[in-house]
Protein backbone atom coordinates (compact mmCIF):
# COMPACT_ATOMS: atom_id res chain seq x y z
CA UNK A 1 -3.51 6.38 23.86
CA UNK A 2 0.24 5.90 23.57
CA UNK A 3 1.38 4.91 20.06
CA UNK A 4 3.03 1.68 21.27
CA UNK A 5 -0.15 0.59 23.05
CA UNK A 6 -2.32 1.54 20.09
CA UNK A 7 0.07 -0.41 17.89
CA UNK A 8 -0.59 -3.61 19.86
CA UNK A 9 -4.35 -3.18 19.34
CA UNK A 10 -3.80 -2.58 15.62
CA UNK A 11 -1.61 -5.66 15.25
CA UNK A 12 -4.09 -7.79 17.21
CA UNK A 13 -6.93 -6.53 15.00
CA UNK A 14 -4.96 -7.32 11.85
CA UNK A 15 -4.04 -10.81 13.00
CA UNK A 16 -7.64 -11.57 13.91
CA UNK A 17 -8.48 -10.65 10.31
CA UNK A 18 -5.66 -12.87 8.99
CA UNK A 19 -6.89 -15.74 11.17
CA UNK A 20 -10.46 -15.18 10.06
CA UNK A 21 -9.40 -15.49 6.43
CA UNK A 22 -7.43 -18.65 7.14
CA UNK A 23 -10.23 -20.18 9.20
CA UNK A 24 -9.87 -23.87 9.81
CA UNK A 25 -8.36 -24.56 6.39
CA UNK A 26 -4.77 -24.47 7.71
CA UNK A 27 -2.81 -24.30 10.91
CA UNK A 28 -0.61 -21.28 11.42
CA UNK A 29 2.95 -21.94 12.54
CA UNK A 30 3.94 -19.65 15.45
CA UNK A 31 7.13 -18.71 13.55
CA UNK A 32 4.95 -17.20 10.80
CA UNK A 33 3.05 -15.11 13.34
CA UNK A 34 6.27 -13.89 14.95
CA UNK A 35 7.70 -12.99 11.54
CA UNK A 36 4.57 -11.06 10.58
CA UNK A 37 4.44 -9.18 13.92
CA UNK A 38 8.12 -8.26 13.64
CA UNK A 39 7.70 -7.19 10.02
CA UNK A 40 4.66 -5.00 10.53
CA UNK A 41 5.25 -3.60 14.02
CA UNK A 42 7.78 -0.96 12.87
CA UNK A 43 5.88 -0.23 9.68
CA UNK A 44 2.63 0.42 11.52
CA UNK A 45 4.38 2.43 14.23
CA UNK A 46 5.95 4.60 11.52
CA UNK A 47 2.55 5.01 9.86
CA UNK A 48 0.86 6.27 13.01
CA UNK A 49 3.71 8.37 14.45
CA UNK A 50 5.65 9.73 11.46
CA UNK A 51 3.17 9.60 8.59
CA UNK A 52 0.31 10.44 10.98
CA UNK A 53 -2.02 7.91 9.40
CA UNK A 54 -5.25 7.41 11.30
CA UNK A 55 -6.23 3.89 12.33
CA UNK A 56 -9.84 5.03 12.60
CA UNK A 57 -9.81 6.21 8.97
CA UNK A 58 -7.66 3.37 7.59
CA UNK A 59 -8.99 0.43 9.62
CA UNK A 60 -11.41 -1.01 7.04
CA UNK A 61 -8.80 -0.88 4.27
CA UNK A 62 -6.01 -2.34 6.41
CA UNK A 63 -8.22 -5.15 7.69
CA UNK A 64 -9.26 -5.97 4.11
CA UNK A 65 -5.57 -6.21 3.19
CA UNK A 66 -4.99 -8.37 6.28
CA UNK A 67 -7.74 -10.76 5.18
CA UNK A 68 -6.19 -10.91 1.73
CA UNK A 69 -2.81 -11.65 3.36
CA UNK A 70 -4.37 -14.65 5.11
CA UNK A 71 -5.95 -15.84 1.87
CA UNK A 72 -2.66 -15.59 0.00
CA UNK A 73 -0.82 -17.42 2.81
CA UNK A 74 -3.31 -20.29 2.46
CA UNK A 75 -2.64 -20.36 -1.28
CA UNK A 76 1.13 -20.41 -0.75
CA UNK A 77 0.78 -23.33 1.67
CA UNK A 78 -0.81 -25.35 -1.11
CA UNK A 79 -1.52 -28.92 0.01
CA UNK A 80 0.50 -28.55 3.21
CA UNK A 81 -1.62 -28.37 6.37
CA UNK A 82 0.49 -25.58 7.94
CA UNK A 83 1.25 -22.01 6.93
CA UNK A 84 4.93 -21.69 7.82
CA UNK A 85 7.29 -18.72 7.87
CA UNK A 86 8.14 -19.13 4.17
CA UNK A 87 4.45 -18.99 3.22
CA UNK A 88 4.10 -15.86 5.35
CA UNK A 89 7.10 -14.26 3.63
CA UNK A 90 5.76 -15.07 0.15
CA UNK A 91 2.27 -13.82 0.97
CA UNK A 92 3.66 -10.59 2.43
CA UNK A 93 5.87 -9.97 -0.60
CA UNK A 94 2.88 -10.43 -2.88
CA UNK A 95 0.59 -8.17 -0.85
CA UNK A 96 3.24 -5.48 -0.37
CA UNK A 97 3.97 -5.41 -4.10
CA UNK A 98 0.27 -4.82 -4.74
CA UNK A 99 0.16 -2.06 -2.12
CA UNK A 100 3.24 -0.43 -3.66
CA UNK A 101 1.63 -0.47 -7.11
CA UNK A 102 -1.57 1.04 -5.70
CA UNK A 103 0.42 3.76 -3.90
CA UNK A 104 2.28 4.64 -7.12
CA UNK A 105 -0.99 4.88 -9.04
CA UNK A 106 -2.48 7.12 -6.35
CA UNK A 107 0.62 9.34 -6.30
CA UNK A 108 0.50 9.73 -10.09
CA UNK A 109 -3.18 10.67 -10.02
CA UNK A 110 -2.79 13.39 -7.36
CA UNK A 111 -2.33 16.93 -8.68
CA UNK A 112 1.17 18.35 -8.30
CA UNK A 113 1.73 20.68 -5.35
CA UNK A 114 2.16 24.34 -6.27
């Protein structure tokens, strides 16, 4: 499958997970969805074409992070009925910071190359 086509399936899968986590607790503003797709399209494309990450191997982990993204977006919306772009931005910043910390811990625990 072509990377761009695979990317669309990956993004769709991730946003189904986000939506599943949000459920019927909040509405999702289309601007938030567009922002998320724009933000993660290039990152995921880089992951599968440059970093050669495997969606098959990483799917469970990425979908778990996607569900957590939805949960955090709900929290950032607070009492408001809609998750807007600002909630999406805050949730992404929070999730990405956690992913960065995890990546640093993993890198530190790997043995040095000889």
